[in-house]
Amino acid sequence: MPSRVEKYNVLLTDEALAVMNKLDKPARERVKRRLEKLSMLRPARTLKKHSEVWVLEIGDYRALYLIDLGAKTRTVFFIGDHKEYEKKYSLMFK
């Protein structure tokens, strides 16, 4: 019997929201739809060097988020294309 997936509240930091609002309309809608589903998705993968940071793939875009099990929240703190994601990843681990 498959385990039940719990629902989480999805929060965006001001930085992530600002980036999302700057995307062109089709990209913004694609990201928005995927983030709406994040509340019920099973986390897929973490960063190799930072296991508490989760990665959500959205076509050419990536979202990085943290999970708070106690508060049942998933907080998205980064949204960007793959090139911006690679830059953010390298800056996180200098």
PDB file of N, CA and C in Angstrom:
ATOM      1  N   MET A   1       0.845  -1.179   0.000  1.00  0.00           N
ATOM      2  CA  MET A   1       0.000   0.000   0.000  1.00  0.00           C
ATOM      3  C   MET A   1       0.894   1.247   0.000  1.00  0.00           C
ATOM      4  N   PRO A   2       0.718   2.157  -0.966  1.00  0.00           N
ATOM      5  CA  PRO A   2       1.569   3.350  -1.020  1.00  0.00           C
ATOM      6  C   PRO A   2       1.316   4.256   0.176  1.00  0.00           C
ATOM      7  N   SER A   3       2.399   4.874   0.658  1.00  0.00           N
ATOM      8  CA  SER A   3       2.239   5.786   1.790  1.00  0.00           C
ATOM      9  C   SER A   3       1.555   7.067   1.328  1.00  0.00           C
ATOM     10  N   ARG A   4       0.850   7.656   2.254  1.00  0.00           N
ATOM     11  CA  ARG A   4       0.096   8.872   1.982  1.00  0.00           C
ATOM     12  C   ARG A   4       1.054  10.061   1.858  1.00  0.00           C
ATOM     13  N   VAL A   5       0.826  10.922   0.898  1.00  0.00           N
ATOM     14  CA  VAL A   5       1.631  12.137   0.733  1.00  0.00           C
ATOM     15  C   VAL A   5       0.950  13.256   1.505  1.00  0.00           C
ATOM     16  N   GLU A   6       1.702  13.864   2.408  1.00  0.00           N
ATOM     17  CA  GLU A   6       1.141  14.957   3.191  1.00  0.00           C
ATOM     18  C   GLU A   6       1.243  16.263   2.418  1.00  0.00           C
ATOM     19  N   LYS A   7       0.287  17.150   2.677  1.00  0.00           N
ATOM     20  CA  LYS A   7       0.277  18.440   1.995  1.00  0.00           C
ATOM     21  C   LYS A   7       1.100  19.460   2.785  1.00  0.00           C
ATOM     22  N   TYR A   8       1.915  20.213   2.061  1.00  0.00           N
ATOM     23  CA  TYR A   8       2.757  21.256   2.636  1.00  0.00           C
ATOM     24  C   TYR A   8       2.329  22.607   2.096  1.00  0.00           C
ATOM     25  N   ASN A   9       2.551  23.653   2.879  1.00  0.00           N
ATOM     26  CA  ASN A   9       2.373  25.010   2.383  1.00  0.00           C
ATOM     27  C   ASN A   9       3.644  25.390   1.642  1.00  0.00           C
ATOM     28  N   VAL A  10       3.497  25.990   0.471  1.00  0.00           N
ATOM     29  CA  VAL A  10       4.654  26.427  -0.319  1.00  0.00           C
ATOM     30  C   VAL A  10       4.793  27.929  -0.152  1.00  0.00           C
ATOM     31  N   LEU A  11       5.961  28.342   0.311  1.00  0.00           N
ATOM     32  CA  LEU A  11       6.268  29.754   0.521  1.00  0.00           C
ATOM     33  C   LEU A  11       7.396  30.152  -0.420  1.00  0.00           C
ATOM     34  N   LEU A  12       7.394  31.397  -0.853  1.00  0.00           N
ATOM     35  CA  LEU A  12       8.477  31.927  -1.678  1.00  0.00           C
ATOM     36  C   LEU A  12       9.126  33.088  -0.947  1.00  0.00           C
ATOM     37  N   THR A  13      10.448  33.106  -0.956  1.00  0.00           N
ATOM     38  CA  THR A  13      11.140  34.264  -0.390  1.00  0.00           C
ATOM     39  C   THR A  13      10.891  35.443  -1.318  1.00  0.00           C
ATOM     40  N   ASP A  14      11.169  36.631  -0.823  1.00  0.00           N
ATOM     41  CA  ASP A  14      11.009  37.838  -1.648  1.00  0.00           C
ATOM     42  C   ASP A  14      11.878  37.746  -2.899  1.00  0.00           C
ATOM     43  N   GLU A  15      13.093  37.214  -2.732  1.00  0.00           N
ATOM     44  CA  GLU A  15      14.014  37.086  -3.870  1.00  0.00           C
ATOM     45  C   GLU A  15      13.450  36.144  -4.937  1.00  0.00           C
ATOM     46  N   ALA A  16      12.933  35.004  -4.520  1.00  0.00           N
ATOM     47  CA  ALA A  16      12.372  34.037  -5.476  1.00  0.00           C
ATOM     48  C   ALA A  16      11.140  34.611  -6.167  1.00  0.00           C
ATOM     49  N   LEU A  17      10.301  35.297  -5.413  1.00  0.00           N
ATOM     50  CA  LEU A  17       9.098  35.902  -5.988  1.00  0.00           C
ATOM     51  C   LEU A  17       9.459  36.988  -6.992  1.00  0.00           C
ATOM     52  N   ALA A  18      10.466  37.797  -6.691  1.00  0.00           N
ATOM     53  CA  ALA A  18      10.898  38.859  -7.608  1.00  0.00           C
ATOM     54  C   ALA A  18      11.398  38.264  -8.914  1.00  0.00           C
ATOM     55  N   VAL A  19      12.176  37.191  -8.832  1.00  0.00           N
ATOM     56  CA  VAL A  19      12.683  36.543 -10.045  1.00  0.00           C
ATOM     57  C   VAL A  19      11.527  35.967 -10.853  1.00  0.00           C
ATOM     58  N   MET A  20      10.608  35.299 -10.179  1.00  0.00           N
ATOM     59  CA  MET A  20       9.473  34.700 -10.883  1.00  0.00           C
ATOM     60  C   MET A  20       8.662  35.768 -11.615  1.00  0.00           C
ATOM     61  N   ASN A  21       8.469  36.917 -10.975  1.00  0.00           N
ATOM     62  CA  ASN A  21       7.690  37.989 -11.594  1.00  0.00           C
ATOM     63  C   ASN A  21       8.390  38.617 -12.793  1.00  0.00           C
ATOM     64  N   LYS A  22       9.714  38.435 -12.919  1.00  0.00           N
ATOM     65  CA  LYS A  22      10.466  38.978 -14.054  1.00  0.00           C
ATOM     66  C   LYS A  22      10.487  38.031 -15.258  1.00  0.00           C
ATOM     67  N   LEU A  23      10.060  36.784 -15.053  1.00  0.00           N
ATOM     68  CA  LEU A  23      10.064  35.815 -16.157  1.00  0.00           C
ATOM     69  C   LEU A  23       9.023  36.216 -17.196  1.00  0.00           C
ATOM     70  N   ASP A  24       9.257  35.800 -18.452  1.00  0.00           N
ATOM     71  CA  ASP A  24       8.230  36.059 -19.457  1.00  0.00           C
ATOM     72  C   ASP A  24       6.990  35.234 -19.093  1.00  0.00           C
ATOM     73  N   LYS A  25       5.851  35.616 -19.640  1.00  0.00           N
ATOM     74  CA  LYS A  25       4.577  35.034 -19.210  1.00  0.00           C
ATOM     75  C   LYS A  25       4.523  33.506 -19.333  1.00  0.00           C
ATOM     76  N   PRO A  26       4.940  32.903 -20.464  1.00  0.00           N
ATOM     77  CA  PRO A  26       4.872  31.434 -20.541  1.00  0.00           C
ATOM     78  C   PRO A  26       5.741  30.740 -19.489  1.00  0.00           C
ATOM     79  N   ALA A  27       6.942  31.256 -19.266  1.00  0.00           N
ATOM     80  CA  ALA A  27       7.834  30.660 -18.264  1.00  0.00           C
ATOM     81  C   ALA A  27       7.254  30.852 -16.864  1.00  0.00           C
ATOM     82  N   ARG A  28       6.739  32.040 -16.591  1.00  0.00           N
ATOM     83  CA  ARG A  28       6.157  32.321 -15.278  1.00  0.00           C
ATOM     84  C   ARG A  28       4.980  31.390 -14.990  1.00  0.00           C
ATOM     85  N   GLU A  29       4.130  31.180 -15.980  1.00  0.00           N
ATOM     86  CA  GLU A  29       2.976  30.284 -15.800  1.00  0.00           C
ATOM     87  C   GLU A  29       3.427  28.841 -15.577  1.00  0.00           C
ATOM     88  N   ARG A  30       4.452  28.407 -16.310  1.00  0.00           N
ATOM     89  CA  ARG A  30       4.974  27.039 -16.152  1.00  0.00           C
ATOM     90  C   ARG A  30       5.544  26.854 -14.743  1.00  0.00           C
ATOM     91  N   VAL A  31       6.322  27.831 -14.285  1.00  0.00           N
ATOM     92  CA  VAL A  31       6.904  27.767 -12.942  1.00  0.00           C
ATOM     93  C   VAL A  31       5.792  27.792 -11.896  1.00  0.00           C
ATOM     94  N   LYS A  32       4.825  28.666 -12.080  1.00  0.00           N
ATOM     95  CA  LYS A  32       3.717  28.796 -11.127  1.00  0.00           C
ATOM     96  C   LYS A  32       2.944  27.484 -10.997  1.00  0.00           C
ATOM     97  N   ARG A  33       2.631  26.855 -12.129  1.00  0.00           N
ATOM     98  CA  ARG A  33       1.901  25.570 -12.092  1.00  0.00           C
ATOM     99  C   ARG A  33       2.694  24.504 -11.346  1.00  0.00           C
ATOM    100  N   ARG A  34       3.994  24.461 -11.593  1.00  0.00           N
ATOM    101  CA  ARG A  34       4.838  23.444 -10.949  1.00  0.00           C
ATOM    102  C   ARG A  34       4.962  23.713  -9.450  1.00  0.00           C
ATOM    103  N   LEU A  35       5.069  24.987  -9.064  1.00  0.00           N
ATOM    104  CA  LEU A  35       5.150  25.320  -7.649  1.00  0.00           C
ATOM    105  C   LEU A  35       3.843  25.006  -6.925  1.00  0.00           C
ATOM    106  N   GLU A  36       2.718  25.162  -7.603  1.00  0.00           N
ATOM    107  CA  GLU A  36       1.431  24.795  -7.003  1.00  0.00           C
ATOM    108  C   GLU A  36       1.385  23.298  -6.700  1.00  0.00           C
ATOM    109  N   LYS A  37       2.022  22.495  -7.544  1.00  0.00           N
ATOM    110  CA  LYS A  37       2.061  21.048  -7.325  1.00  0.00           C
ATOM    111  C   LYS A  37       3.080  20.655  -6.263  1.00  0.00           C
ATOM    112  N   LEU A  38       4.016  21.543  -5.953  1.00  0.00           N
ATOM    113  CA  LEU A  38       5.065  21.244  -4.984  1.00  0.00           C
ATOM    114  C   LEU A  38       4.485  20.908  -3.609  1.00  0.00           C
ATOM    115  N   SER A  39       3.315  21.420  -3.309  1.00  0.00           N
ATOM    116  CA  SER A  39       2.718  21.155  -1.996  1.00  0.00           C
ATOM    117  C   SER A  39       2.437  19.672  -1.770  1.00  0.00           C
ATOM    118  N   MET A  40       2.264  18.915  -2.856  1.00  0.00           N
ATOM    119  CA  MET A  40       1.933  17.493  -2.734  1.00  0.00           C
ATOM    120  C   MET A  40       3.007  16.563  -3.295  1.00  0.00           C
ATOM    121  N   LEU A  41       4.022  17.107  -3.946  1.00  0.00           N
ATOM    122  CA  LEU A  41       5.049  16.260  -4.549  1.00  0.00           C
ATOM    123  C   LEU A  41       5.964  15.641  -3.501  1.00  0.00           C
ATOM    124  N   ARG A  42       6.397  14.435  -3.779  1.00  0.00           N
ATOM    125  CA  ARG A  42       7.448  13.837  -2.958  1.00  0.00           C
ATOM    126  C   ARG A  42       8.758  14.497  -3.390  1.00  0.00           C
ATOM    127  N   PRO A  43       9.572  14.919  -2.434  1.00  0.00           N
ATOM    128  CA  PRO A  43      10.864  15.517  -2.805  1.00  0.00           C
ATOM    129  C   PRO A  43      11.684  14.527  -3.627  1.00  0.00           C
ATOM    130  N   ALA A  44      12.272  15.013  -4.711  1.00  0.00           N
ATOM    131  CA  ALA A  44      12.981  14.128  -5.635  1.00  0.00           C
ATOM    132  C   ALA A  44      14.471  14.040  -5.348  1.00  0.00           C
ATOM    133  N   ARG A  45      15.127  15.192  -5.238  1.00  0.00           N
ATOM    134  CA  ARG A  45      16.579  15.129  -5.037  1.00  0.00           C
ATOM    135  C   ARG A  45      17.077  16.350  -4.281  1.00  0.00           C
ATOM    136  N   THR A  46      18.218  16.154  -3.660  1.00  0.00           N
ATOM    137  CA  THR A  46      18.861  17.235  -2.917  1.00  0.00           C
ATOM    138  C   THR A  46      20.148  17.622  -3.637  1.00  0.00           C
ATOM    139  N   LEU A  47      20.733  18.722  -3.192  1.00  0.00           N
ATOM    140  CA  LEU A  47      22.048  19.090  -3.685  1.00  0.00           C
ATOM    141  C   LEU A  47      23.060  18.103  -3.126  1.00  0.00           C
ATOM    142  N   LYS A  48      24.055  17.747  -3.911  1.00  0.00           N
ATOM    143  CA  LYS A  48      25.045  16.768  -3.479  1.00  0.00           C
ATOM    144  C   LYS A  48      25.814  17.224  -2.239  1.00  0.00           C
ATOM    145  N   LYS A  49      26.179  18.494  -2.189  1.00  0.00           N
ATOM    146  CA  LYS A  49      26.996  18.981  -1.086  1.00  0.00           C
ATOM    147  C   LYS A  49      26.180  19.626   0.031  1.00  0.00           C
ATOM    148  N   HIS A  50      24.884  19.659  -0.118  1.00  0.00           N
ATOM    149  CA  HIS A  50      24.042  20.342   0.861  1.00  0.00           C
ATOM    150  C   HIS A  50      22.711  19.604   0.913  1.00  0.00           C
ATOM    151  N   SER A  51      22.665  18.501   1.659  1.00  0.00           N
ATOM    152  CA  SER A  51      21.535  17.580   1.572  1.00  0.00           C
ATOM    153  C   SER A  51      20.200  18.119   2.089  1.00  0.00           C
ATOM    154  N   GLU A  52      20.202  19.245   2.810  1.00  0.00           N
ATOM    155  CA  GLU A  52      18.916  19.785   3.254  1.00  0.00           C
ATOM    156  C   GLU A  52      18.281  20.716   2.223  1.00  0.00           C
ATOM    157  N   VAL A  53      18.990  21.008   1.142  1.00  0.00           N
ATOM    158  CA  VAL A  53      18.452  21.848   0.066  1.00  0.00           C
ATOM    159  C   VAL A  53      17.937  20.936  -1.048  1.00  0.00           C
ATOM    160  N   TRP A  54      16.679  21.102  -1.364  1.00  0.00           N
ATOM    161  CA  TRP A  54      16.017  20.279  -2.379  1.00  0.00           C
ATOM    162  C   TRP A  54      15.945  21.017  -3.706  1.00  0.00           C
ATOM    163  N   VAL A  55      15.933  20.256  -4.798  1.00  0.00           N
ATOM    164  CA  VAL A  55      15.909  20.813  -6.151  1.00  0.00           C
ATOM    165  C   VAL A  55      14.619  20.385  -6.843  1.00  0.00           C
ATOM    166  N   LEU A  56      13.937  21.346  -7.441  1.00  0.00           N
ATOM    167  CA  LEU A  56      12.755  21.069  -8.254  1.00  0.00           C
ATOM    168  C   LEU A  56      13.083  21.480  -9.677  1.00  0.00           C
ATOM    169  N   GLU A  57      12.999  20.535 -10.603  1.00  0.00           N
ATOM    170  CA  GLU A  57      13.269  20.830 -12.009  1.00  0.00           C
ATOM    171  C   GLU A  57      11.973  21.240 -12.693  1.00  0.00           C
ATOM    172  N   ILE A  58      12.046  22.363 -13.421  1.00  0.00           N
ATOM    173  CA  ILE A  58      10.889  22.913 -14.118  1.00  0.00           C
ATOM    174  C   ILE A  58      11.346  23.246 -15.529  1.00  0.00           C
ATOM    175  N   GLY A  59      11.398  22.258 -16.401  1.00  0.00           N
ATOM    176  CA  GLY A  59      11.930  22.476 -17.742  1.00  0.00           C
ATOM    177  C   GLY A  59      13.371  22.931 -17.654  1.00  0.00           C
ATOM    178  N   ASP A  60      13.679  24.098 -18.234  1.00  0.00           N
ATOM    179  CA  ASP A  60      15.031  24.657 -18.181  1.00  0.00           C
ATOM    180  C   ASP A  60      15.313  25.386 -16.870  1.00  0.00           C
ATOM    181  N   TYR A  61      14.323  25.498 -16.002  1.00  0.00           N
ATOM    182  CA  TYR A  61      14.461  26.225 -14.752  1.00  0.00           C
ATOM    183  C   TYR A  61      14.660  25.267 -13.584  1.00  0.00           C
ATOM    184  N   ARG A  62      15.244  25.811 -12.514  1.00  0.00           N
ATOM    185  CA  ARG A  62      15.434  25.071 -11.282  1.00  0.00           C
ATOM    186  C   ARG A  62      14.939  25.939 -10.133  1.00  0.00           C
ATOM    187  N   ALA A  63      14.341  25.290  -9.157  1.00  0.00           N
ATOM    188  CA  ALA A  63      13.950  25.963  -7.924  1.00  0.00           C
ATOM    189  C   ALA A  63      14.629  25.227  -6.780  1.00  0.00           C
ATOM    190  N   LEU A  64      15.216  25.977  -5.871  1.00  0.00           N
ATOM    191  CA  LEU A  64      15.827  25.397  -4.682  1.00  0.00           C
ATOM    192  C   LEU A  64      14.921  25.726  -3.503  1.00  0.00           C
ATOM    193  N   TYR A  65      14.704  24.726  -2.651  1.00  0.00           N
ATOM    194  CA  TYR A  65      13.817  24.954  -1.514  1.00  0.00           C
ATOM    195  C   TYR A  65      14.248  24.153  -0.306  1.00  0.00           C
ATOM    196  N   LEU A  66      13.751  24.587   0.847  1.00  0.00           N
ATOM    197  CA  LEU A  66      13.993  23.930   2.124  1.00  0.00           C
ATOM    198  C   LEU A  66      12.668  23.374   2.624  1.00  0.00           C
ATOM    199  N   ILE A  67      12.728  22.280   3.360  1.00  0.00           N
ATOM    200  CA  ILE A  67      11.530  21.666   3.921  1.00  0.00           C
ATOM    201  C   ILE A  67      11.579  21.791   5.436  1.00  0.00           C
ATOM    202  N   ASP A  68      10.485  22.271   6.018  1.00  0.00           N
ATOM    203  CA  ASP A  68      10.335  22.310   7.466  1.00  0.00           C
ATOM    204  C   ASP A  68       9.234  21.313   7.805  1.00  0.00           C
ATOM    205  N   LEU A  69       9.635  20.147   8.304  1.00  0.00           N
ATOM    206  CA  LEU A  69       8.673  19.080   8.600  1.00  0.00           C
ATOM    207  C   LEU A  69       7.695  19.481   9.697  1.00  0.00           C
ATOM    208  N   GLY A  70       8.184  20.163  10.718  1.00  0.00           N
ATOM    209  CA  GLY A  70       7.324  20.565  11.830  1.00  0.00           C
ATOM    210  C   GLY A  70       6.249  21.547  11.412  1.00  0.00           C
ATOM    211  N   ALA A  71       6.630  22.543  10.634  1.00  0.00           N
ATOM    212  CA  ALA A  71       5.684  23.566  10.179  1.00  0.00           C
ATOM    213  C   ALA A  71       4.956  23.157   8.900  1.00  0.00           C
ATOM    214  N   LYS A  72       5.375  22.026   8.313  1.00  0.00           N
ATOM    215  CA  LYS A  72       4.810  21.536   7.043  1.00  0.00           C
ATOM    216  C   LYS A  72       4.876  22.608   5.956  1.00  0.00           C
ATOM    217  N   THR A  73       6.077  23.183   5.802  1.00  0.00           N
ATOM    218  CA  THR A  73       6.277  24.189   4.753  1.00  0.00           C
ATOM    219  C   THR A  73       7.443  23.789   3.868  1.00  0.00           C
ATOM    220  N   ARG A  74       7.369  24.256   2.653  1.00  0.00           N
ATOM    221  CA  ARG A  74       8.467  24.153   1.696  1.00  0.00           C
ATOM    222  C   ARG A  74       8.726  25.583   1.224  1.00  0.00           C
ATOM    223  N   THR A  75       9.911  26.079   1.538  1.00  0.00           N
ATOM    224  CA  THR A  75      10.239  27.469   1.238  1.00  0.00           C
ATOM    225  C   THR A  75      11.195  27.538   0.062  1.00  0.00           C
ATOM    226  N   VAL A  76      10.710  28.115  -1.039  1.00  0.00           N
ATOM    227  CA  VAL A  76      11.506  28.282  -2.251  1.00  0.00           C
ATOM    228  C   VAL A  76      12.321  29.559  -2.091  1.00  0.00           C
ATOM    229  N   PHE A  77      13.655  29.419  -2.177  1.00  0.00           N
ATOM    230  CA  PHE A  77      14.507  30.596  -2.009  1.00  0.00           C
ATOM    231  C   PHE A  77      15.272  30.950  -3.278  1.00  0.00           C
ATOM    232  N   PHE A  78      15.165  30.129  -4.324  1.00  0.00           N
ATOM    233  CA  PHE A  78      15.855  30.423  -5.578  1.00  0.00           C
ATOM    234  C   PHE A  78      15.040  29.871  -6.737  1.00  0.00           C
ATOM    235  N   ILE A  79      14.911  30.669  -7.787  1.00  0.00           N
ATOM    236  CA  ILE A  79      14.331  30.245  -9.067  1.00  0.00           C
ATOM    237  C   ILE A  79      15.229  30.823 -10.144  1.00  0.00           C
ATOM    238  N   GLY A  80      15.646  29.983 -11.083  1.00  0.00           N
ATOM    239  CA  GLY A  80      16.473  30.480 -12.172  1.00  0.00           C
ATOM    240  C   GLY A  80      16.673  29.430 -13.238  1.00  0.00           C
ATOM    241  N   ASP A  81      17.185  29.862 -14.393  1.00  0.00           N
ATOM    242  CA  ASP A  81      17.469  28.888 -15.449  1.00  0.00           C
ATOM    243  C   ASP A  81      18.694  28.078 -15.052  1.00  0.00           C
ATOM    244  N   HIS A  82      19.035  27.093 -15.857  1.00  0.00           N
ATOM    245  CA  HIS A  82      20.096  26.173 -15.476  1.00  0.00           C
ATOM    246  C   HIS A  82      21.431  26.899 -15.283  1.00  0.00           C
ATOM    247  N   LYS A  83      21.714  27.890 -16.105  1.00  0.00           N
ATOM    248  CA  LYS A  83      22.970  28.643 -15.974  1.00  0.00           C
ATOM    249  C   LYS A  83      23.004  29.401 -14.642  1.00  0.00           C
ATOM    250  N   GLU A  84      21.891  30.052 -14.283  1.00  0.00           N
ATOM    251  CA  GLU A  84      21.817  30.766 -13.008  1.00  0.00           C
ATOM    252  C   GLU A  84      21.898  29.792 -11.832  1.00  0.00           C
ATOM    253  N   TYR A  85      21.307  28.621 -12.010  1.00  0.00           N
ATOM    254  CA  TYR A  85      21.351  27.573 -10.987  1.00  0.00           C
ATOM    255  C   TYR A  85      22.794  27.128 -10.737  1.00  0.00           C
ATOM    256  N   GLU A  86      23.540  26.888 -11.810  1.00  0.00           N
ATOM    257  CA  GLU A  86      24.942  26.478 -11.665  1.00  0.00           C
ATOM    258  C   GLU A  86      25.747  27.565 -10.946  1.00  0.00           C
ATOM    259  N   LYS A  87      25.483  28.824 -11.263  1.00  0.00           N
ATOM    260  CA  LYS A  87      26.178  29.938 -10.617  1.00  0.00           C
ATOM    261  C   LYS A  87      25.834  29.981  -9.129  1.00  0.00           C
ATOM    262  N   LYS A  88      24.554  29.854  -8.800  1.00  0.00           N
ATOM    263  CA  LYS A  88      24.110  29.866  -7.402  1.00  0.00           C
ATOM    264  C   LYS A  88      24.749  28.707  -6.646  1.00  0.00           C
ATOM    265  N   TYR A  89      24.770  27.531  -7.264  1.00  0.00           N
ATOM    266  CA  TYR A  89      25.339  26.339  -6.643  1.00  0.00           C
ATOM    267  C   TYR A  89      26.812  26.563  -6.320  1.00  0.00           C
ATOM    268  N   SER A  90      27.562  27.127  -7.264  1.00  0.00           N
ATOM    269  CA  SER A  90      28.993  27.351  -7.016  1.00  0.00           C
ATOM    270  C   SER A  90      29.212  28.399  -5.938  1.00  0.00           C
ATOM    271  N   LEU A  91      28.340  29.415  -5.858  1.00  0.00           N
ATOM    272  CA  LEU A  91      28.476  30.441  -4.825  1.00  0.00           C
ATOM    273  C   LEU A  91      28.139  29.895  -3.441  1.00  0.00           C
ATOM    274  N   MET A  92      27.232  28.939  -3.381  1.00  0.00           N
ATOM    275  CA  MET A  92      26.834  28.363  -2.100  1.00  0.00           C
ATOM    276  C   MET A  92      27.964  27.578  -1.455  1.00  0.00           C
ATOM    277  N   PHE A  93      28.902  27.082  -2.275  1.00  0.00           N
ATOM    278  CA  PHE A  93      29.916  26.191  -1.758  1.00  0.00           C
ATOM    279  C   PHE A  93      31.338  26.694  -1.980  1.00  0.00           C
ATOM    280  N   LYS A  94      31.521  27.996  -1.971  1.00  0.00           N
ATOM    281  CA  LYS A  94      32.868  28.579  -2.107  1.00  0.00           C
ATOM    282  C   LYS A  94      33.686  28.262  -0.898  1.00  0.00           C
TER     283      LYS A  94
END
